[in-house]
Amino acid sequence: MSLEEYCTYFGELIGKEPTFEPAPSAWAALVPDTTFMHEVLGRCETSWRDGCRMLVEQCYPELLK
């Protein structure tokens, strides 16, 4: 997932539209190798969307739309 996709989804959850300003010095997208994580922790059981929603519900419930 890209940073823009995460931010756009958080914006949908709280009723705000994010704006993005590309910067020439911005880092390239990081693509981690999750092989070790899967070996140690197993595979994810929660989708990224559900995880984002749970974070807002638990930490910022007043913002949830």
PDB file of N, CA and C in Angstrom:
ATOM      1  N   MET A   1       0.847  -1.172   0.000  1.00  0.00           N
ATOM      2  CA  MET A   1       0.000   0.000   0.000  1.00  0.00           C
ATOM      3  C   MET A   1       0.889   1.231   0.000  1.00  0.00           C
ATOM      4  N   SER A   2       0.409   2.246  -0.667  1.00  0.00           N
ATOM      5  CA  SER A   2       1.169   3.494  -0.695  1.00  0.00           C
ATOM      6  C   SER A   2       0.729   4.405   0.450  1.00  0.00           C
ATOM      7  N   LEU A   3       1.558   5.358   0.772  1.00  0.00           N
ATOM      8  CA  LEU A   3       1.229   6.337   1.788  1.00  0.00           C
ATOM      9  C   LEU A   3      -0.047   7.085   1.409  1.00  0.00           C
ATOM     10  N   GLU A   4      -0.194   7.374   0.127  1.00  0.00           N
ATOM     11  CA  GLU A   4      -1.390   8.083  -0.339  1.00  0.00           C
ATOM     12  C   GLU A   4      -2.657   7.255  -0.111  1.00  0.00           C
ATOM     13  N   GLU A   5      -2.555   5.933  -0.318  1.00  0.00           N
ATOM     14  CA  GLU A   5      -3.721   5.074  -0.094  1.00  0.00           C
ATOM     15  C   GLU A   5      -4.102   5.033   1.388  1.00  0.00           C
ATOM     16  N   TYR A   6      -3.093   4.922   2.263  1.00  0.00           N
ATOM     17  CA  TYR A   6      -3.374   4.936   3.699  1.00  0.00           C
ATOM     18  C   TYR A   6      -4.024   6.255   4.106  1.00  0.00           C
ATOM     19  N   CYS A   7      -3.430   7.349   3.682  1.00  0.00           N
ATOM     20  CA  CYS A   7      -3.951   8.670   4.070  1.00  0.00           C
ATOM     21  C   CYS A   7      -5.354   8.905   3.524  1.00  0.00           C
ATOM     22  N   THR A   8      -5.602   8.469   2.299  1.00  0.00           N
ATOM     23  CA  THR A   8      -6.929   8.630   1.705  1.00  0.00           C
ATOM     24  C   THR A   8      -7.958   7.845   2.500  1.00  0.00           C
ATOM     25  N   TYR A   9      -7.612   6.629   2.912  1.00  0.00           N
ATOM     26  CA  TYR A   9      -8.552   5.829   3.691  1.00  0.00           C
ATOM     27  C   TYR A   9      -8.803   6.447   5.068  1.00  0.00           C
ATOM     28  N   PHE A  10      -7.726   6.896   5.747  1.00  0.00           N
ATOM     29  CA  PHE A  10      -7.923   7.576   7.028  1.00  0.00           C
ATOM     30  C   PHE A  10      -8.819   8.790   6.840  1.00  0.00           C
ATOM     31  N   GLY A  11      -8.630   9.521   5.737  1.00  0.00           N
ATOM     32  CA  GLY A  11      -9.474  10.673   5.451  1.00  0.00           C
ATOM     33  C   GLY A  11     -10.932  10.292   5.309  1.00  0.00           C
ATOM     34  N   GLU A  12     -11.201   9.160   4.659  1.00  0.00           N
ATOM     35  CA  GLU A  12     -12.584   8.671   4.524  1.00  0.00           C
ATOM     36  C   GLU A  12     -13.181   8.362   5.890  1.00  0.00           C
ATOM     37  N   LEU A  13     -12.372   7.781   6.761  1.00  0.00           N
ATOM     38  CA  LEU A  13     -12.862   7.417   8.094  1.00  0.00           C
ATOM     39  C   LEU A  13     -13.229   8.637   8.933  1.00  0.00           C
ATOM     40  N   ILE A  14     -12.470   9.710   8.781  1.00  0.00           N
ATOM     41  CA  ILE A  14     -12.701  10.881   9.641  1.00  0.00           C
ATOM     42  C   ILE A  14     -13.382  12.032   8.910  1.00  0.00           C
ATOM     43  N   GLY A  15     -13.707  11.838   7.637  1.00  0.00           N
ATOM     44  CA  GLY A  15     -14.442  12.868   6.905  1.00  0.00           C
ATOM     45  C   GLY A  15     -13.599  14.035   6.434  1.00  0.00           C
ATOM     46  N   LYS A  16     -12.319  13.781   6.152  1.00  0.00           N
ATOM     47  CA  LYS A  16     -11.440  14.835   5.636  1.00  0.00           C
ATOM     48  C   LYS A  16     -10.672  14.289   4.446  1.00  0.00           C
ATOM     49  N   GLU A  17     -10.458  15.141   3.448  1.00  0.00           N
ATOM     50  CA  GLU A  17      -9.724  14.717   2.263  1.00  0.00           C
ATOM     51  C   GLU A  17      -8.276  15.194   2.373  1.00  0.00           C
ATOM     52  N   PRO A  18      -7.321  14.276   2.313  1.00  0.00           N
ATOM     53  CA  PRO A  18      -5.924  14.684   2.415  1.00  0.00           C
ATOM     54  C   PRO A  18      -5.461  15.349   1.118  1.00  0.00           C
ATOM     55  N   THR A  19      -4.471  16.201   1.243  1.00  0.00           N
ATOM     56  CA  THR A  19      -3.821  16.772   0.064  1.00  0.00           C
ATOM     57  C   THR A  19      -2.361  16.336   0.092  1.00  0.00           C
ATOM     58  N   PHE A  20      -1.807  16.160  -1.072  1.00  0.00           N
ATOM     59  CA  PHE A  20      -0.435  15.669  -1.184  1.00  0.00           C
ATOM     60  C   PHE A  20       0.383  16.654  -2.006  1.00  0.00           C
ATOM     61  N   GLU A  21       1.582  16.932  -1.537  1.00  0.00           N
ATOM     62  CA  GLU A  21       2.498  17.807  -2.248  1.00  0.00           C
ATOM     63  C   GLU A  21       3.787  17.036  -2.493  1.00  0.00           C
ATOM     64  N   PRO A  22       4.001  16.619  -3.727  1.00  0.00           N
ATOM     65  CA  PRO A  22       5.229  15.867  -4.014  1.00  0.00           C
ATOM     66  C   PRO A  22       6.462  16.746  -3.766  1.00  0.00           C
ATOM     67  N   ALA A  23       7.473  16.157  -3.208  1.00  0.00           N
ATOM     68  CA  ALA A  23       8.719  16.860  -2.943  1.00  0.00           C
ATOM     69  C   ALA A  23       9.854  16.149  -3.671  1.00  0.00           C
ATOM     70  N   PRO A  24      10.734  16.905  -4.298  1.00  0.00           N
ATOM     71  CA  PRO A  24      11.826  16.254  -5.038  1.00  0.00           C
ATOM     72  C   PRO A  24      12.749  15.430  -4.146  1.00  0.00           C
ATOM     73  N   SER A  25      12.801  15.753  -2.854  1.00  0.00           N
ATOM     74  CA  SER A  25      13.680  15.011  -1.958  1.00  0.00           C
ATOM     75  C   SER A  25      12.969  13.857  -1.254  1.00  0.00           C
ATOM     76  N   ALA A  26      11.728  13.581  -1.646  1.00  0.00           N
ATOM     77  CA  ALA A  26      10.975  12.494  -0.993  1.00  0.00           C
ATOM     78  C   ALA A  26      11.659  11.154  -1.255  1.00  0.00           C
ATOM     79  N   TRP A  27      11.632  10.296  -0.250  1.00  0.00           N
ATOM     80  CA  TRP A  27      12.224   8.963  -0.389  1.00  0.00           C
ATOM     81  C   TRP A  27      11.410   8.126  -1.346  1.00  0.00           C
ATOM     82  N   ALA A  28      12.061   7.236  -2.003  1.00  0.00           N
ATOM     83  CA  ALA A  28      11.349   6.271  -2.844  1.00  0.00           C
ATOM     84  C   ALA A  28      10.568   5.336  -1.930  1.00  0.00           C
ATOM     85  N   ALA A  29       9.528   4.746  -2.456  1.00  0.00           N
ATOM     86  CA  ALA A  29       8.702   3.819  -1.674  1.00  0.00           C
ATOM     87  C   ALA A  29       9.556   2.659  -1.166  1.00  0.00           C
ATOM     88  N   LEU A  30       9.362   2.297   0.074  1.00  0.00           N
ATOM     89  CA  LEU A  30      10.058   1.154   0.649  1.00  0.00           C
ATOM     90  C   LEU A  30       9.231  -0.096   0.418  1.00  0.00           C
ATOM     91  N   VAL A  31       9.869  -1.126  -0.054  1.00  0.00           N
ATOM     92  CA  VAL A  31       9.183  -2.394  -0.266  1.00  0.00           C
ATOM     93  C   VAL A  31       9.897  -3.430   0.601  1.00  0.00           C
ATOM     94  N   PRO A  32       9.381  -3.644   1.821  1.00  0.00           N
ATOM     95  CA  PRO A  32      10.070  -4.563   2.728  1.00  0.00           C
ATOM     96  C   PRO A  32       9.891  -6.025   2.319  1.00  0.00           C
ATOM     97  N   ASP A  33      10.877  -6.813   2.660  1.00  0.00           N
ATOM     98  CA  ASP A  33      10.779  -8.263   2.487  1.00  0.00           C
ATOM     99  C   ASP A  33      10.172  -8.799   3.776  1.00  0.00           C
ATOM    100  N   THR A  34       8.959  -9.284   3.720  1.00  0.00           N
ATOM    101  CA  THR A  34       8.246  -9.727   4.920  1.00  0.00           C
ATOM    102  C   THR A  34       8.462 -11.208   5.244  1.00  0.00           C
ATOM    103  N   THR A  35       9.395 -11.843   4.546  1.00  0.00           N
ATOM    104  CA  THR A  35       9.640 -13.273   4.758  1.00  0.00           C
ATOM    105  C   THR A  35       9.966 -13.574   6.222  1.00  0.00           C
ATOM    106  N   PHE A  36      10.902 -12.827   6.800  1.00  0.00           N
ATOM    107  CA  PHE A  36      11.290 -13.074   8.198  1.00  0.00           C
ATOM    108  C   PHE A  36      10.129 -12.807   9.141  1.00  0.00           C
ATOM    109  N   MET A  37       9.388 -11.733   8.894  1.00  0.00           N
ATOM    110  CA  MET A  37       8.232 -11.422   9.738  1.00  0.00           C
ATOM    111  C   MET A  37       7.239 -12.591   9.724  1.00  0.00           C
ATOM    112  N   HIS A  38       6.983 -13.138   8.555  1.00  0.00           N
ATOM    113  CA  HIS A  38       6.039 -14.262   8.451  1.00  0.00           C
ATOM    114  C   HIS A  38       6.574 -15.496   9.172  1.00  0.00           C
ATOM    115  N   GLU A  39       7.890 -15.718   9.091  1.00  0.00           N
ATOM    116  CA  GLU A  39       8.481 -16.869   9.783  1.00  0.00           C
ATOM    117  C   GLU A  39       8.347 -16.730  11.303  1.00  0.00           C
ATOM    118  N   VAL A  40       8.532 -15.532  11.822  1.00  0.00           N
ATOM    119  CA  VAL A  40       8.541 -15.303  13.263  1.00  0.00           C
ATOM    120  C   VAL A  40       7.138 -15.087  13.817  1.00  0.00           C
ATOM    121  N   LEU A  41       6.354 -14.274  13.130  1.00  0.00           N
ATOM    122  CA  LEU A  41       5.042 -13.870  13.651  1.00  0.00           C
ATOM    123  C   LEU A  41       3.858 -14.541  12.966  1.00  0.00           C
ATOM    124  N   GLY A  42       4.079 -15.094  11.802  1.00  0.00           N
ATOM    125  CA  GLY A  42       2.971 -15.639  11.029  1.00  0.00           C
ATOM    126  C   GLY A  42       2.378 -14.577  10.113  1.00  0.00           C
ATOM    127  N   ARG A  43       1.361 -14.950   9.408  1.00  0.00           N
ATOM    128  CA  ARG A  43       0.723 -14.027   8.471  1.00  0.00           C
ATOM    129  C   ARG A  43      -0.284 -13.146   9.197  1.00  0.00           C
ATOM    130  N   CYS A  44      -0.553 -11.998   8.603  1.00  0.00           N
ATOM    131  CA  CYS A  44      -1.522 -11.069   9.179  1.00  0.00           C
ATOM    132  C   CYS A  44      -2.923 -11.672   9.130  1.00  0.00           C
ATOM    133  N   GLU A  45      -3.681 -11.441  10.172  1.00  0.00           N
ATOM    134  CA  GLU A  45      -5.055 -11.924  10.224  1.00  0.00           C
ATOM    135  C   GLU A  45      -6.050 -10.786  10.050  1.00  0.00           C
ATOM    136  N   THR A  46      -5.563  -9.551  10.081  1.00  0.00           N
ATOM    137  CA  THR A  46      -6.408  -8.374   9.958  1.00  0.00           C
ATOM    138  C   THR A  46      -6.003  -7.612   8.715  1.00  0.00           C
ATOM    139  N   SER A  47      -6.959  -7.195   7.919  1.00  0.00           N
ATOM    140  CA  SER A  47      -6.630  -6.413   6.724  1.00  0.00           C
ATOM    141  C   SER A  47      -6.149  -5.027   7.131  1.00  0.00           C
ATOM    142  N   TRP A  48      -5.436  -4.365   6.251  1.00  0.00           N
ATOM    143  CA  TRP A  48      -4.926  -3.033   6.586  1.00  0.00           C
ATOM    144  C   TRP A  48      -6.071  -2.063   6.818  1.00  0.00           C
ATOM    145  N   ARG A  49      -7.163  -2.203   6.077  1.00  0.00           N
ATOM    146  CA  ARG A  49      -8.314  -1.311   6.266  1.00  0.00           C
ATOM    147  C   ARG A  49      -8.943  -1.519   7.646  1.00  0.00           C
ATOM    148  N   ASP A  50      -9.129  -2.780   8.035  1.00  0.00           N
ATOM    149  CA  ASP A  50      -9.689  -3.061   9.360  1.00  0.00           C
ATOM    150  C   ASP A  50      -8.754  -2.568  10.461  1.00  0.00           C
ATOM    151  N   GLY A  51      -7.439  -2.734  10.256  1.00  0.00           N
ATOM    152  CA  GLY A  51      -6.473  -2.260  11.234  1.00  0.00           C
ATOM    153  C   GLY A  51      -6.518  -0.744  11.391  1.00  0.00           C
ATOM    154  N   CYS A  52      -6.633  -0.029  10.270  1.00  0.00           N
ATOM    155  CA  CYS A  52      -6.731   1.441  10.325  1.00  0.00           C
ATOM    156  C   CYS A  52      -8.003   1.857  11.041  1.00  0.00           C
ATOM    157  N   ARG A  53      -9.106   1.193  10.727  1.00  0.00           N
ATOM    158  CA  ARG A  53     -10.378   1.529  11.371  1.00  0.00           C
ATOM    159  C   ARG A  53     -10.294   1.277  12.881  1.00  0.00           C
ATOM    160  N   MET A  54      -9.705   0.141  13.279  1.00  0.00           N
ATOM    161  CA  MET A  54      -9.574  -0.161  14.710  1.00  0.00           C
ATOM    162  C   MET A  54      -8.713   0.884  15.411  1.00  0.00           C
ATOM    163  N   LEU A  55      -7.650   1.352  14.751  1.00  0.00           N
ATOM    164  CA  LEU A  55      -6.800   2.372  15.341  1.00  0.00           C
ATOM    165  C   LEU A  55      -7.590   3.646  15.607  1.00  0.00           C
ATOM    166  N   VAL A  56      -8.373   4.086  14.627  1.00  0.00           N
ATOM    167  CA  VAL A  56      -9.172   5.299  14.817  1.00  0.00           C
ATOM    168  C   VAL A  56     -10.225   5.069  15.898  1.00  0.00           C
ATOM    169  N   GLU A  57     -10.887   3.917  15.874  1.00  0.00           N
ATOM    170  CA  GLU A  57     -11.914   3.627  16.887  1.00  0.00           C
ATOM    171  C   GLU A  57     -11.350   3.647  18.303  1.00  0.00           C
ATOM    172  N   GLN A  58     -10.144   3.111  18.468  1.00  0.00           N
ATOM    173  CA  GLN A  58      -9.571   2.997  19.816  1.00  0.00           C
ATOM    174  C   GLN A  58      -8.844   4.249  20.277  1.00  0.00           C
ATOM    175  N   CYS A  59      -8.182   4.944  19.360  1.00  0.00           N
ATOM    176  CA  CYS A  59      -7.361   6.092  19.762  1.00  0.00           C
ATOM    177  C   CYS A  59      -8.043   7.441  19.532  1.00  0.00           C
ATOM    178  N   TYR A  60      -8.909   7.529  18.531  1.00  0.00           N
ATOM    179  CA  TYR A  60      -9.545   8.800  18.180  1.00  0.00           C
ATOM    180  C   TYR A  60     -11.027   8.596  17.853  1.00  0.00           C
ATOM    181  N   PRO A  61     -11.795   7.996  18.761  1.00  0.00           N
ATOM    182  CA  PRO A  61     -13.192   7.677  18.443  1.00  0.00           C
ATOM    183  C   PRO A  61     -14.029   8.910  18.107  1.00  0.00           C
ATOM    184  N   GLU A  62     -13.646  10.067  18.642  1.00  0.00           N
ATOM    185  CA  GLU A  62     -14.405  11.287  18.363  1.00  0.00           C
ATOM    186  C   GLU A  62     -14.265  11.751  16.921  1.00  0.00           C
ATOM    187  N   LEU A  63     -13.258  11.246  16.186  1.00  0.00           N
ATOM    188  CA  LEU A  63     -13.061  11.649  14.800  1.00  0.00           C
ATOM    189  C   LEU A  63     -13.787  10.752  13.796  1.00  0.00           C
ATOM    190  N   LEU A  64     -14.188   9.572  14.228  1.00  0.00           N
ATOM    191  CA  LEU A  64     -14.776   8.598  13.318  1.00  0.00           C
ATOM    192  C   LEU A  64     -16.125   9.088  12.773  1.00  0.00           C
ATOM    193  N   LYS A  65     -16.261   9.027  11.480  1.00  0.00           N
ATOM    194  CA  LYS A  65     -17.526   9.441  10.823  1.00  0.00           C
ATOM    195  C   LYS A  65     -18.356   8.227  10.510  1.00  0.00           C
TER     196      LYS A  65
END
